[in-house]
PDB file of N, CA and C in Angstrom:
ATOM      1  N   MET A   1     115.984 116.499  58.612  1.00  0.00           N
ATOM      2  CA  MET A   1     115.136 117.232  59.541  1.00  0.00           C
ATOM      3  C   MET A   1     114.216 118.173  58.764  1.00  0.00           C
ATOM      4  N   ARG A   2     113.077 118.398  59.309  1.00  0.00           N
ATOM      5  CA  ARG A   2     112.144 119.322  58.695  1.00  0.00           C
ATOM      6  C   ARG A   2     112.588 120.751  58.960  1.00  0.00           C
ATOM      7  N   LYS A   3     112.165 121.623  58.099  1.00  0.00           N
ATOM      8  CA  LYS A   3     112.474 123.032  58.307  1.00  0.00           C
ATOM      9  C   LYS A   3     111.557 123.636  59.365  1.00  0.00           C
ATOM     10  N   GLU A   4     110.380 123.023  59.529  1.00  0.00           N
ATOM     11  CA  GLU A   4     109.412 123.567  60.463  1.00  0.00           C
ATOM     12  C   GLU A   4     108.674 122.438  61.169  1.00  0.00           C
ATOM     13  N   TYR A   5     108.454 122.603  62.465  1.00  0.00           N
ATOM     14  CA  TYR A   5     107.718 121.618  63.255  1.00  0.00           C
ATOM     15  C   TYR A   5     106.492 122.290  63.863  1.00  0.00           C
ATOM     16  N   ASP A   6     105.425 121.519  64.051  1.00  0.00           N
ATOM     17  CA  ASP A   6     104.194 122.045  64.630  1.00  0.00           C
ATOM     18  C   ASP A   6     104.117 121.626  66.092  1.00  0.00           C
ATOM     19  N   PHE A   7     104.292 122.602  66.987  1.00  0.00           N
ATOM     20  CA  PHE A   7     104.211 122.347  68.426  1.00  0.00           C
ATOM     21  C   PHE A   7     102.931 122.915  69.033  1.00  0.00           C
ATOM     22  N   SER A   8     101.929 123.174  68.194  1.00  0.00           N
ATOM     23  CA  SER A   8     100.699 123.790  68.692  1.00  0.00           C
ATOM     24  C   SER A   8      99.960 122.879  69.673  1.00  0.00           C
ATOM     25  N   ASN A   9     100.110 121.566  69.570  1.00  0.00           N
ATOM     26  CA  ASN A   9      99.463 120.632  70.484  1.00  0.00           C
ATOM     27  C   ASN A   9     100.420 120.113  71.558  1.00  0.00           C
ATOM     28  N   GLY A  10     101.597 120.701  71.626  1.00  0.00           N
ATOM     29  CA  GLY A  10     102.600 120.260  72.588  1.00  0.00           C
ATOM     30  C   GLY A  10     102.236 120.673  74.011  1.00  0.00           C
ATOM     31  N   LYS A  11     102.728 119.913  74.978  1.00  0.00           N
ATOM     32  CA  LYS A  11     102.488 120.205  76.390  1.00  0.00           C
ATOM     33  C   LYS A  11     103.825 120.348  77.099  1.00  0.00           C
ATOM     34  N   ARG A  12     103.884 121.262  78.039  1.00  0.00           N
ATOM     35  CA  ARG A  12     105.105 121.446  78.823  1.00  0.00           C
ATOM     36  C   ARG A  12     105.183 120.402  79.922  1.00  0.00           C
ATOM     37  N   GLY A  13     106.381 120.138  80.366  1.00  0.00           N
ATOM     38  CA  GLY A  13     106.568 119.240  81.500  1.00  0.00           C
ATOM     39  C   GLY A  13     106.988 117.856  81.074  1.00  0.00           C
ATOM     40  N   ALA A  14     106.922 116.939  82.035  1.00  0.00           N
ATOM     41  CA  ALA A  14     107.351 115.567  81.797  1.00  0.00           C
ATOM     42  C   ALA A  14     106.432 114.884  80.791  1.00  0.00           C
ATOM     43  N   VAL A  15     107.010 114.033  79.990  1.00  0.00           N
ATOM     44  CA  VAL A  15     106.234 113.302  78.993  1.00  0.00           C
ATOM     45  C   VAL A  15     105.342 112.280  79.687  1.00  0.00           C
ATOM     46  N   ILE A  16     105.895 111.591  80.671  1.00  0.00           N
ATOM     47  CA  ILE A  16     105.143 110.595  81.424  1.00  0.00           C
ATOM     48  C   ILE A  16     104.946 111.132  82.841  1.00  0.00           C
ATOM     49  N   PRO A  17     103.714 111.376  83.252  1.00  0.00           N
ATOM     50  CA  PRO A  17     103.509 111.894  84.605  1.00  0.00           C
ATOM     51  C   PRO A  17     103.850 110.835  85.643  1.00  0.00           C
ATOM     52  N   SER A  18     104.503 111.279  86.717  1.00  0.00           N
ATOM     53  CA  SER A  18     104.835 110.339  87.788  1.00  0.00           C
ATOM     54  C   SER A  18     103.694 110.318  88.792  1.00  0.00           C
ATOM     55  N   THR A  19     103.392 109.136  89.298  1.00  0.00           N
ATOM     56  CA  THR A  19     102.318 109.016  90.280  1.00  0.00           C
ATOM     57  C   THR A  19     102.907 108.600  91.621  1.00  0.00           C
ATOM     58  N   GLY A  20     102.409 109.192  92.667  1.00  0.00           N
ATOM     59  CA  GLY A  20     102.831 108.807  94.007  1.00  0.00           C
ATOM     60  C   GLY A  20     104.085 109.498  94.510  1.00  0.00           C
ATOM     61  N   LYS A  21     104.710 110.312  93.677  1.00  0.00           N
ATOM     62  CA  LYS A  21     105.912 111.024  94.102  1.00  0.00           C
ATOM     63  C   LYS A  21     105.829 112.463  93.642  1.00  0.00           C
ATOM     64  N   THR A  22     106.473 113.346  94.401  1.00  0.00           N
ATOM     65  CA  THR A  22     106.493 114.758  94.079  1.00  0.00           C
ATOM     66  C   THR A  22     107.931 115.235  94.067  1.00  0.00           C
ATOM     67  N   ARG A  23     108.296 115.965  93.038  1.00  0.00           N
ATOM     68  CA  ARG A  23     109.644 116.528  92.945  1.00  0.00           C
ATOM     69  C   ARG A  23     109.699 117.774  93.816  1.00  0.00           C
ATOM     70  N   ILE A  24     110.697 117.817  94.722  1.00  0.00           N
ATOM     71  CA  ILE A  24     110.880 118.988  95.588  1.00  0.00           C
ATOM     72  C   ILE A  24     112.355 119.358  95.612  1.00  0.00           C
ATOM     73  N   THR A  25     112.629 120.528  96.127  1.00  0.00           N
ATOM     74  CA  THR A  25     114.001 120.948  96.396  1.00  0.00           C
ATOM     75  C   THR A  25     114.146 120.981  97.907  1.00  0.00           C
ATOM     76  N   ILE A  26     115.193 120.334  98.411  1.00  0.00           N
ATOM     77  CA  ILE A  26     115.395 120.252  99.854  1.00  0.00           C
ATOM     78  C   ILE A  26     116.883 120.454 100.151  1.00  0.00           C
ATOM     79  N   MET A  27     117.166 121.148 101.228  1.00  0.00           N
ATOM     80  CA  MET A  27     118.542 121.394 101.632  1.00  0.00           C
ATOM     81  C   MET A  27     118.918 120.374 102.710  1.00  0.00           C
ATOM     82  N   LEU A  28     119.939 119.574 102.439  1.00  0.00           N
ATOM     83  CA  LEU A  28     120.439 118.589 103.394  1.00  0.00           C
ATOM     84  C   LEU A  28     121.900 118.872 103.670  1.00  0.00           C
ATOM     85  N   ASP A  29     122.362 118.473 104.841  1.00  0.00           N
ATOM     86  CA  ASP A  29     123.772 118.641 105.178  1.00  0.00           C
ATOM     87  C   ASP A  29     124.640 117.822 104.236  1.00  0.00           C
ATOM     88  N   ASP A  30     125.826 118.346 103.950  1.00  0.00           N
ATOM     89  CA  ASP A  30     126.762 117.651 103.062  1.00  0.00           C
ATOM     90  C   ASP A  30     127.102 116.260 103.579  1.00  0.00           C
ATOM     91  N   GLU A  31     127.239 116.138 104.915  1.00  0.00           N
ATOM     92  CA  GLU A  31     127.583 114.848 105.508  1.00  0.00           C
ATOM     93  C   GLU A  31     126.482 113.816 105.278  1.00  0.00           C
ATOM     94  N   VAL A  32     125.236 114.271 105.321  1.00  0.00           N
ATOM     95  CA  VAL A  32     124.104 113.363 105.105  1.00  0.00           C
ATOM     96  C   VAL A  32     124.109 112.860 103.667  1.00  0.00           C
ATOM     97  N   ILE A  33     124.272 113.779 102.735  1.00  0.00           N
ATOM     98  CA  ILE A  33     124.308 113.400 101.318  1.00  0.00           C
ATOM     99  C   ILE A  33     125.476 112.459 101.050  1.00  0.00           C
ATOM    100  N   GLU A  34     126.629 112.766 101.587  1.00  0.00           N
ATOM    101  CA  GLU A  34     127.811 111.928 101.359  1.00  0.00           C
ATOM    102  C   GLU A  34     127.620 110.532 101.929  1.00  0.00           C
ATOM    103  N   PHE A  35     127.001 110.444 103.121  1.00  0.00           N
ATOM    104  CA  PHE A  35     126.734 109.144 103.729  1.00  0.00           C
ATOM    105  C   PHE A  35     125.866 108.298 102.813  1.00  0.00           C
ATOM    106  N   PHE A  36     124.761 108.863 102.349  1.00  0.00           N
ATOM    107  CA  PHE A  36     123.846 108.094 101.512  1.00  0.00           C
ATOM    108  C   PHE A  36     124.455 107.785 100.143  1.00  0.00           C
ATOM    109  N   ARG A  37     125.208 108.701  99.581  1.00  0.00           N
ATOM    110  CA  ARG A  37     125.846 108.433  98.280  1.00  0.00           C
ATOM    111  C   ARG A  37     126.868 107.306  98.387  1.00  0.00           C
ATOM    112  N   THR A  38     127.682 107.347  99.439  1.00  0.00           N
ATOM    113  CA  THR A  38     128.691 106.305  99.640  1.00  0.00           C
ATOM    114  C   THR A  38     128.037 104.955  99.871  1.00  0.00           C
ATOM    115  N   ARG A  39     127.042 104.938 100.712  1.00  0.00           N
ATOM    116  CA  ARG A  39     126.342 103.683 101.012  1.00  0.00           C
ATOM    117  C   ARG A  39     125.598 103.150  99.787  1.00  0.00           C
ATOM    118  N   ALA A  40     124.981 104.039  99.041  1.00  0.00           N
ATOM    119  CA  ALA A  40     124.244 103.635  97.847  1.00  0.00           C
ATOM    120  C   ALA A  40     125.193 103.065  96.798  1.00  0.00           C
ATOM    121  N   GLU A  41     126.340 103.682  96.651  1.00  0.00           N
ATOM    122  CA  GLU A  41     127.321 103.183  95.683  1.00  0.00           C
ATOM    123  C   GLU A  41     127.802 101.790  96.074  1.00  0.00           C
ATOM    124  N   ALA A  42     128.010 101.561  97.366  1.00  0.00           N
ATOM    125  CA  ALA A  42     128.471 100.253  97.833  1.00  0.00           C
ATOM    126  C   ALA A  42     127.407  99.178  97.626  1.00  0.00           C
ATOM    127  N   LEU A  43     126.138  99.571  97.754  1.00  0.00           N
ATOM    128  CA  LEU A  43     125.047  98.605  97.622  1.00  0.00           C
ATOM    129  C   LEU A  43     124.482  98.532  96.209  1.00  0.00           C
ATOM    130  N   GLY A  44     124.907  99.445  95.355  1.00  0.00           N
ATOM    131  CA  GLY A  44     124.397  99.454  93.989  1.00  0.00           C
ATOM    132  C   GLY A  44     122.969  99.955  93.902  1.00  0.00           C
ATOM    133  N   ALA A  45     122.631 100.899  94.761  1.00  0.00           N
ATOM    134  CA  ALA A  45     121.275 101.454  94.775  1.00  0.00           C
ATOM    135  C   ALA A  45     121.366 102.961  94.583  1.00  0.00           C
ATOM    136  N   GLY A  46     120.226 103.599  94.431  1.00  0.00           N
ATOM    137  CA  GLY A  46     120.181 105.051  94.302  1.00  0.00           C
ATOM    138  C   GLY A  46     120.142 105.715  95.660  1.00  0.00           C
ATOM    139  N   TYR A  47     120.902 106.788  95.812  1.00  0.00           N
ATOM    140  CA  TYR A  47     120.952 107.440  97.125  1.00  0.00           C
ATOM    141  C   TYR A  47     119.630 108.128  97.462  1.00  0.00           C
ATOM    142  N   GLN A  48     118.930 108.650  96.463  1.00  0.00           N
ATOM    143  CA  GLN A  48     117.640 109.278  96.739  1.00  0.00           C
ATOM    144  C   GLN A  48     116.620 108.238  97.189  1.00  0.00           C
ATOM    145  N   THR A  49     116.687 107.048  96.613  1.00  0.00           N
ATOM    146  CA  THR A  49     115.812 105.954  97.018  1.00  0.00           C
ATOM    147  C   THR A  49     116.101 105.570  98.463  1.00  0.00           C
ATOM    148  N   MET A  50     117.379 105.559  98.841  1.00  0.00           N
ATOM    149  CA  MET A  50     117.743 105.222 100.213  1.00  0.00           C
ATOM    150  C   MET A  50     117.279 106.297 101.200  1.00  0.00           C
ATOM    151  N   ILE A  51     117.388 107.567 100.813  1.00  0.00           N
ATOM    152  CA  ILE A  51     116.907 108.648 101.672  1.00  0.00           C
ATOM    153  C   ILE A  51     115.399 108.520 101.851  1.00  0.00           C
ATOM    154  N   ASN A  52     114.685 108.216 100.766  1.00  0.00           N
ATOM    155  CA  ASN A  52     113.234 108.037 100.839  1.00  0.00           C
ATOM    156  C   ASN A  52     112.881 106.882 101.779  1.00  0.00           C
ATOM    157  N   ALA A  53     113.630 105.775 101.689  1.00  0.00           N
ATOM    158  CA  ALA A  53     113.370 104.621 102.563  1.00  0.00           C
ATOM    159  C   ALA A  53     113.628 104.982 104.025  1.00  0.00           C
ATOM    160  N   ALA A  54     114.675 105.753 104.289  1.00  0.00           N
ATOM    161  CA  ALA A  54     114.981 106.173 105.659  1.00  0.00           C
ATOM    162  C   ALA A  54     113.872 107.075 106.201  1.00  0.00           C
ATOM    163  N   LEU A  55     113.377 107.983 105.379  1.00  0.00           N
ATOM    164  CA  LEU A  55     112.292 108.857 105.810  1.00  0.00           C
ATOM    165  C   LEU A  55     111.006 108.070 106.042  1.00  0.00           C
ATOM    166  N   ARG A  56     110.738 107.082 105.191  1.00  0.00           N
ATOM    167  CA  ARG A  56     109.560 106.233 105.384  1.00  0.00           C
ATOM    168  C   ARG A  56     109.644 105.476 106.712  1.00  0.00           C
ATOM    169  N   ALA A  57     110.839 104.998 107.060  1.00  0.00           N
ATOM    170  CA  ALA A  57     111.029 104.278 108.325  1.00  0.00           C
ATOM    171  C   ALA A  57     110.754 105.196 109.511  1.00  0.00           C
ATOM    172  N   VAL A  58     111.200 106.440 109.428  1.00  0.00           N
ATOM    173  CA  VAL A  58     110.960 107.396 110.505  1.00  0.00           C
ATOM    174  C   VAL A  58     109.464 107.683 110.631  1.00  0.00           C
ATOM    175  N   VAL A  59     108.785 107.838 109.499  1.00  0.00           N
ATOM    176  CA  VAL A  59     107.340 108.101 109.520  1.00  0.00           C
ATOM    177  C   VAL A  59     106.594 106.921 110.129  1.00  0.00           C
ATOM    178  N   ALA A  60     106.949 105.709 109.737  1.00  0.00           N
ATOM    179  CA  ALA A  60     106.289 104.516 110.273  1.00  0.00           C
ATOM    180  C   ALA A  60     106.534 104.383 111.771  1.00  0.00           C
ATOM    181  N   ASP A  61     107.763 104.661 112.208  1.00  0.00           N
ATOM    182  CA  ASP A  61     108.101 104.575 113.624  1.00  0.00           C
ATOM    183  C   ASP A  61     107.337 105.630 114.421  1.00  0.00           C
ATOM    184  N   ALA A  62     107.264 106.838 113.893  1.00  0.00           N
ATOM    185  CA  ALA A  62     106.538 107.909 114.581  1.00  0.00           C
ATOM    186  C   ALA A  62     105.056 107.582 114.678  1.00  0.00           C
ATOM    187  N   ALA A  63     104.504 106.993 113.625  1.00  0.00           N
ATOM    188  CA  ALA A  63     103.077 106.645 113.641  1.00  0.00           C
ATOM    189  C   ALA A  63     102.787 105.587 114.695  1.00  0.00           C
ATOM    190  N   SER A  64     103.682 104.601 114.837  1.00  0.00           N
ATOM    191  CA  SER A  64     103.457 103.563 115.843  1.00  0.00           C
ATOM    192  C   SER A  64     103.668 104.109 117.251  1.00  0.00           C
ATOM    193  N   GLN A  65     104.594 105.021 117.422  1.00  0.00           N
ATOM    194  CA  GLN A  65     104.830 105.608 118.746  1.00  0.00           C
ATOM    195  C   GLN A  65     103.698 106.535 119.158  1.00  0.00           C
ATOM    196  N   ASP A  66     103.100 107.229 118.182  1.00  0.00           N
ATOM    197  CA  ASP A  66     101.989 108.120 118.500  1.00  0.00           C
ATOM    198  C   ASP A  66     100.850 107.352 119.151  1.00  0.00           C
ATOM    199  N   ALA A  67     100.621 106.144 118.679  1.00  0.00           N
ATOM    200  CA  ALA A  67      99.535 105.343 119.241  1.00  0.00           C
ATOM    201  C   ALA A  67      99.868 104.876 120.652  1.00  0.00           C
ATOM    202  N   GLU A  68     101.137 104.637 120.939  1.00  0.00           N
ATOM    203  CA  GLU A  68     101.545 104.096 122.238  1.00  0.00           C
ATOM    204  C   GLU A  68     101.885 105.170 123.262  1.00  0.00           C
ATOM    205  N   ASP A  69     102.401 106.288 122.831  1.00  0.00           N
ATOM    206  CA  ASP A  69     102.971 107.281 123.742  1.00  0.00           C
ATOM    207  C   ASP A  69     102.044 108.453 124.051  1.00  0.00           C
ATOM    208  N   LYS A  70     100.759 108.212 124.069  1.00  0.00           N
ATOM    209  CA  LYS A  70      99.856 109.292 124.428  1.00  0.00           C
ATOM    210  C   LYS A  70     100.003 109.561 125.920  1.00  0.00           C
ATOM    211  N   PRO A  71     100.016 110.823 126.309  1.00  0.00           N
ATOM    212  CA  PRO A  71     100.169 111.136 127.731  1.00  0.00           C
ATOM    213  C   PRO A  71      98.940 110.696 128.522  1.00  0.00           C
ATOM    214  N   ILE A  72      99.180 110.331 129.771  1.00  0.00           N
ATOM    215  CA  ILE A  72      98.095 109.902 130.647  1.00  0.00           C
ATOM    216  C   ILE A  72      97.422 111.156 131.200  1.00  0.00           C
ATOM    217  N   THR A  73      96.140 111.247 130.999  1.00  0.00           N
ATOM    218  CA  THR A  73      95.383 112.384 131.526  1.00  0.00           C
ATOM    219  C   THR A  73      94.889 112.054 132.929  1.00  0.00           C
ATOM    220  N   VAL A  74      94.449 113.066 133.624  1.00  0.00           N
ATOM    221  CA  VAL A  74      93.916 112.878 134.975  1.00  0.00           C
ATOM    222  C   VAL A  74      92.692 111.969 134.927  1.00  0.00           C
ATOM    223  N   ALA A  75      91.864 112.153 133.929  1.00  0.00           N
ATOM    224  CA  ALA A  75      90.655 111.333 133.812  1.00  0.00           C
ATOM    225  C   ALA A  75      91.011 109.868 133.599  1.00  0.00           C
ATOM    226  N   THR A  76      92.002 109.612 132.755  1.00  0.00           N
ATOM    227  CA  THR A  76      92.426 108.233 132.507  1.00  0.00           C
ATOM    228  C   THR A  76      93.019 107.622 133.761  1.00  0.00           C
ATOM    229  N   LEU A  77      93.826 108.377 134.480  1.00  0.00           N
ATOM    230  CA  LEU A  77      94.433 107.884 135.710  1.00  0.00           C
ATOM    231  C   LEU A  77      93.358 107.554 136.755  1.00  0.00           C
ATOM    232  N   ARG A  78      92.369 108.422 136.884  1.00  0.00           N
ATOM    233  CA  ARG A  78      91.282 108.159 137.837  1.00  0.00           C
ATOM    234  C   ARG A  78      90.511 106.899 137.460  1.00  0.00           C
ATOM    235  N   LYS A  79      90.263 106.731 136.172  1.00  0.00           N
ATOM    236  CA  LYS A  79      89.533 105.552 135.702  1.00  0.00           C
ATOM    237  C   LYS A  79      90.297 104.272 136.027  1.00  0.00           C
ATOM    238  N   VAL A  80      91.601 104.270 135.762  1.00  0.00           N
ATOM    239  CA  VAL A  80      92.421 103.086 136.037  1.00  0.00           C
ATOM    240  C   VAL A  80      92.458 102.808 137.532  1.00  0.00           C
ATOM    241  N   LEU A  81      92.626 103.847 138.343  1.00  0.00           N
ATOM    242  CA  LEU A  81      92.668 103.658 139.797  1.00  0.00           C
ATOM    243  C   LEU A  81      91.345 103.112 140.322  1.00  0.00           C
ATOM    244  N   ARG A  82      90.234 103.631 139.825  1.00  0.00           N
ATOM    245  CA  ARG A  82      88.919 103.115 140.260  1.00  0.00           C
ATOM    246  C   ARG A  82      88.765 101.643 139.902  1.00  0.00           C
ATOM    247  N   GLU A  83      89.186 101.293 138.678  1.00  0.00           N
ATOM    248  CA  GLU A  83      89.078  99.896 138.244  1.00  0.00           C
ATOM    249  C   GLU A  83      89.941  98.993 139.119  1.00  0.00           C
ATOM    250  N   GLU A  84      91.145  99.440 139.433  1.00  0.00           N
ATOM    251  CA  GLU A  84      92.061  98.622 140.240  1.00  0.00           C
ATOM    252  C   GLU A  84      91.555  98.523 141.687  1.00  0.00           C
ATOM    253  N   LEU A  85      91.080  99.631 142.231  1.00  0.00           N
ATOM    254  CA  LEU A  85      90.596  99.606 143.605  1.00  0.00           C
ATOM    255  C   LEU A  85      89.301  98.803 143.720  1.00  0.00           C
ATOM    256  N   HIS A  86      88.495  98.824 142.691  1.00  0.00           N
ATOM    257  CA  HIS A  86      87.242  98.087 142.696  1.00  0.00           C
ATOM    258  C   HIS A  86      87.484  96.576 142.668  1.00  0.00           C
ATOM    259  N   THR A  87      88.494  96.130 141.965  1.00  0.00           N
ATOM    260  CA  THR A  87      88.781  94.689 141.870  1.00  0.00           C
ATOM    261  C   THR A  87      89.539  94.187 143.081  1.00  0.00           C
ATOM    262  N   ALA A  88      90.138  95.057 143.849  1.00  0.00           N
ATOM    263  CA  ALA A  88      90.945  94.628 145.001  1.00  0.00           C
ATOM    264  C   ALA A  88      90.141  94.285 146.212  1.00  0.00           C
TER     265      ALA A  88
END
């Protein structure tokens, strides 16, 4: 080993930057963590990857429901009634 190293051009942080993911700290219930750890061990997968997949499924489901579950406004109801009464 050298007696002295030059770190003047060194950078702090990860050597390889990750793209598309952000490291966060999150508090989850012990039961939730245990469920995913047990399931991940049985399937040979990572529990954090499984939690991410579960959250992605919830986001996708919410996005599809948002498009379908918009409340009916008075204006929309009047428009539909006029169209139906006009064709009858």
